[in-house]
Amino acid sequence: MAGGGNFIGRVISYVANELIVNGLSNSHAFQRFAVRTSKRIENISKMAAESKEKVAQHMEELSKNSDTFKKP
């Protein structure tokens, strides 16, 4: 008998998911939100990659400069 309840729960979950997905996919406000969010995440990712590159360059420069300060 417990298996029947699980089946009904899955059906209710499926129907709720379908309603939510269809509702959001047809919502222009949600689509604008999704596009803006995607662009922001893309910009943040680019800035993070650029910052990582700059830090790597600075570390390389520092390691080169620290070699010149070492005593022979």
N, C-alpha and C. Protein backbone atom coordinates (compact mmCIF):
# COMPACT_ATOMS: atom_id res chain seq x y z
N MET A 1 0.81 -1.19 0.00
CA MET A 1 0.00 0.00 0.00
C MET A 1 0.86 1.26 0.00
N ALA A 2 2.03 1.17 0.61
CA ALA A 2 2.91 2.34 0.69
C ALA A 2 3.41 2.75 -0.70
N GLY A 3 3.54 1.75 -1.59
CA GLY A 3 4.01 2.06 -2.94
C GLY A 3 3.04 2.95 -3.70
N GLY A 4 1.74 2.79 -3.43
CA GLY A 4 0.73 3.61 -4.09
C GLY A 4 0.84 5.07 -3.71
N GLY A 5 1.16 5.32 -2.44
CA GLY A 5 1.33 6.69 -1.98
C GLY A 5 2.54 7.35 -2.61
N ASN A 6 3.58 6.56 -2.81
CA ASN A 6 4.78 7.07 -3.45
C ASN A 6 4.48 7.45 -4.89
N PHE A 7 3.69 6.63 -5.57
CA PHE A 7 3.31 6.91 -6.95
C PHE A 7 2.50 8.21 -7.04
N ILE A 8 1.56 8.37 -6.15
CA ILE A 8 0.73 9.58 -6.15
C ILE A 8 1.60 10.81 -5.87
N GLY A 9 2.55 10.67 -4.95
CA GLY A 9 3.47 11.77 -4.66
C GLY A 9 4.29 12.16 -5.86
N ARG A 10 4.75 11.14 -6.60
CA ARG A 10 5.52 11.42 -7.82
C ARG A 10 4.67 12.10 -8.89
N VAL A 11 3.42 11.68 -9.01
CA VAL A 11 2.52 12.29 -9.99
C VAL A 11 2.26 13.75 -9.62
N ILE A 12 2.00 14.01 -8.35
CA ILE A 12 1.76 15.38 -7.90
C ILE A 12 3.01 16.23 -8.13
N SER A 13 4.17 15.67 -7.82
CA SER A 13 5.43 16.40 -8.04
C SER A 13 5.63 16.70 -9.52
N TYR A 14 5.34 15.73 -10.38
CA TYR A 14 5.49 15.92 -11.83
C TYR A 14 4.56 17.02 -12.33
N VAL A 15 3.31 16.96 -11.92
CA VAL A 15 2.33 17.96 -12.36
C VAL A 15 2.73 19.35 -11.87
N ALA A 16 3.16 19.45 -10.60
CA ALA A 16 3.58 20.74 -10.07
C ALA A 16 4.79 21.27 -10.84
N ASN A 17 5.75 20.40 -11.12
CA ASN A 17 6.94 20.82 -11.88
C ASN A 17 6.55 21.29 -13.28
N GLU A 18 5.64 20.57 -13.93
CA GLU A 18 5.20 20.97 -15.27
C GLU A 18 4.53 22.35 -15.23
N LEU A 19 3.67 22.56 -14.24
CA LEU A 19 2.99 23.85 -14.13
C LEU A 19 4.00 24.98 -13.87
N ILE A 20 4.95 24.73 -12.99
CA ILE A 20 5.96 25.75 -12.68
C ILE A 20 6.82 26.05 -13.89
N VAL A 21 7.31 24.99 -14.54
CA VAL A 21 8.19 25.19 -15.71
C VAL A 21 7.44 25.92 -16.82
N ASN A 22 6.23 25.49 -17.11
CA ASN A 22 5.45 26.16 -18.16
C ASN A 22 5.14 27.60 -17.77
N GLY A 23 4.80 27.82 -16.52
CA GLY A 23 4.51 29.18 -16.06
C GLY A 23 5.71 30.09 -16.19
N LEU A 24 6.89 29.60 -15.78
CA LEU A 24 8.09 30.43 -15.87
C LEU A 24 8.54 30.62 -17.31
N SER A 25 8.42 29.58 -18.12
CA SER A 25 8.87 29.70 -19.52
C SER A 25 8.00 30.68 -20.30
N ASN A 26 6.77 30.87 -19.88
CA ASN A 26 5.88 31.80 -20.57
C ASN A 26 5.87 33.19 -19.93
N SER A 27 6.64 33.39 -18.90
CA SER A 27 6.67 34.67 -18.20
C SER A 27 7.78 35.55 -18.77
N HIS A 28 7.40 36.68 -19.34
CA HIS A 28 8.40 37.59 -19.90
C HIS A 28 9.27 38.18 -18.80
N ALA A 29 8.71 38.44 -17.64
CA ALA A 29 9.50 38.98 -16.53
C ALA A 29 10.57 37.99 -16.10
N PHE A 30 10.22 36.71 -16.01
CA PHE A 30 11.20 35.70 -15.62
C PHE A 30 12.27 35.55 -16.70
N GLN A 31 11.87 35.62 -17.95
CA GLN A 31 12.85 35.51 -19.03
C GLN A 31 13.85 36.67 -18.99
N ARG A 32 13.37 37.89 -18.72
CA ARG A 32 14.27 39.03 -18.59
C ARG A 32 15.21 38.83 -17.41
N PHE A 33 14.66 38.36 -16.29
CA PHE A 33 15.48 38.09 -15.11
C PHE A 33 16.56 37.06 -15.44
N ALA A 34 16.18 36.00 -16.14
CA ALA A 34 17.14 34.94 -16.47
C ALA A 34 18.25 35.47 -17.38
N VAL A 35 17.89 36.27 -18.35
CA VAL A 35 18.90 36.82 -19.29
C VAL A 35 19.84 37.77 -18.55
N ARG A 36 19.28 38.66 -17.71
CA ARG A 36 20.13 39.60 -16.95
C ARG A 36 21.05 38.84 -16.02
N THR A 37 20.53 37.84 -15.35
CA THR A 37 21.34 37.07 -14.42
C THR A 37 22.46 36.34 -15.16
N SER A 38 22.14 35.78 -16.29
CA SER A 38 23.14 35.07 -17.09
C SER A 38 24.26 36.02 -17.52
N LYS A 39 23.88 37.22 -17.97
CA LYS A 39 24.89 38.20 -18.41
C LYS A 39 25.76 38.64 -17.24
N ARG A 40 25.14 38.84 -16.06
CA ARG A 40 25.92 39.24 -14.89
C ARG A 40 26.91 38.18 -14.49
N ILE A 41 26.47 36.93 -14.50
CA ILE A 41 27.36 35.83 -14.13
C ILE A 41 28.50 35.72 -15.15
N GLU A 42 28.19 35.91 -16.41
CA GLU A 42 29.22 35.87 -17.45
C GLU A 42 30.24 36.99 -17.23
N ASN A 43 29.76 38.21 -16.93
CA ASN A 43 30.67 39.33 -16.67
C ASN A 43 31.53 39.08 -15.44
N ILE A 44 30.93 38.56 -14.39
CA ILE A 44 31.69 38.26 -13.17
C ILE A 44 32.75 37.21 -13.45
N SER A 45 32.41 36.20 -14.25
CA SER A 45 33.37 35.16 -14.60
C SER A 45 34.54 35.74 -15.38
N LYS A 46 34.24 36.65 -16.31
CA LYS A 46 35.31 37.29 -17.09
C LYS A 46 36.21 38.12 -16.18
N MET A 47 35.59 38.88 -15.26
CA MET A 47 36.39 39.71 -14.34
C MET A 47 37.26 38.83 -13.45
N ALA A 48 36.74 37.70 -13.01
CA ALA A 48 37.50 36.79 -12.16
C ALA A 48 38.69 36.22 -12.94
N ALA A 49 38.47 35.86 -14.19
CA ALA A 49 39.56 35.32 -15.01
C ALA A 49 40.63 36.39 -15.24
N GLU A 50 40.20 37.63 -15.49
CA GLU A 50 41.17 38.72 -15.68
C GLU A 50 41.96 38.98 -14.41
N SER A 51 41.29 38.96 -13.27
CA SER A 51 41.96 39.19 -11.99
C SER A 51 42.94 38.07 -11.71
N LYS A 52 42.55 36.85 -12.01
CA LYS A 52 43.44 35.71 -11.80
C LYS A 52 44.71 35.87 -12.65
N GLU A 53 44.52 36.30 -13.88
CA GLU A 53 45.67 36.51 -14.78
C GLU A 53 46.58 37.61 -14.24
N LYS A 54 46.00 38.70 -13.76
CA LYS A 54 46.80 39.81 -13.22
C LYS A 54 47.59 39.36 -11.99
N VAL A 55 46.94 38.61 -11.12
CA VAL A 55 47.63 38.12 -9.92
C VAL A 55 48.77 37.19 -10.31
N ALA A 56 48.54 36.34 -11.29
CA ALA A 56 49.60 35.43 -11.75
C ALA A 56 50.78 36.23 -12.32
N GLN A 57 50.49 37.28 -13.06
CA GLN A 57 51.56 38.11 -13.61
C GLN A 57 52.33 38.82 -12.50
N HIS A 58 51.61 39.35 -11.51
CA HIS A 58 52.27 40.03 -10.39
C HIS A 58 53.14 39.06 -9.61
N MET A 59 52.65 37.86 -9.40
CA MET A 59 53.43 36.86 -8.66
C MET A 59 54.69 36.50 -9.44
N GLU A 60 54.56 36.40 -10.75
CA GLU A 60 55.72 36.09 -11.58
C GLU A 60 56.75 37.23 -11.49
N GLU A 61 56.26 38.47 -11.57
CA GLU A 61 57.16 39.62 -11.46
C GLU A 61 57.84 39.65 -10.09
N LEU A 62 57.08 39.38 -9.05
CA LEU A 62 57.65 39.38 -7.70
C LEU A 62 58.70 38.29 -7.55
N SER A 63 58.47 37.13 -8.12
CA SER A 63 59.45 36.06 -8.00
C SER A 63 60.73 36.42 -8.77
N LYS A 64 60.59 37.10 -9.90
CA LYS A 64 61.77 37.54 -10.65
C LYS A 64 62.53 38.61 -9.86
N ASN A 65 61.79 39.55 -9.27
CA ASN A 65 62.42 40.62 -8.50
C ASN A 65 63.06 40.09 -7.22
N SER A 66 62.47 39.11 -6.60
CA SER A 66 63.05 38.58 -5.36
C SER A 66 64.37 37.88 -5.64
N ASP A 67 64.57 37.34 -6.83
CA ASP A 67 65.82 36.71 -7.19
C ASP A 67 66.95 37.74 -7.26
N THR A 68 66.64 38.97 -7.64
CA THR A 68 67.69 40.00 -7.75
C THR A 68 68.12 40.49 -6.38
N PHE A 69 67.28 40.34 -5.34
CA PHE A 69 67.61 40.80 -4.01
C PHE A 69 68.35 39.75 -3.18
N LYS A 70 68.45 38.55 -3.66
CA LYS A 70 69.13 37.49 -2.92
C LYS A 70 70.63 37.76 -2.89
N LYS A 71 71.22 37.44 -1.76
CA LYS A 71 72.67 37.62 -1.63
C LYS A 71 73.39 36.44 -2.28
N PRO A 72 74.49 36.72 -2.98
CA PRO A 72 75.23 35.64 -3.67
C PRO A 72 75.93 34.72 -2.70
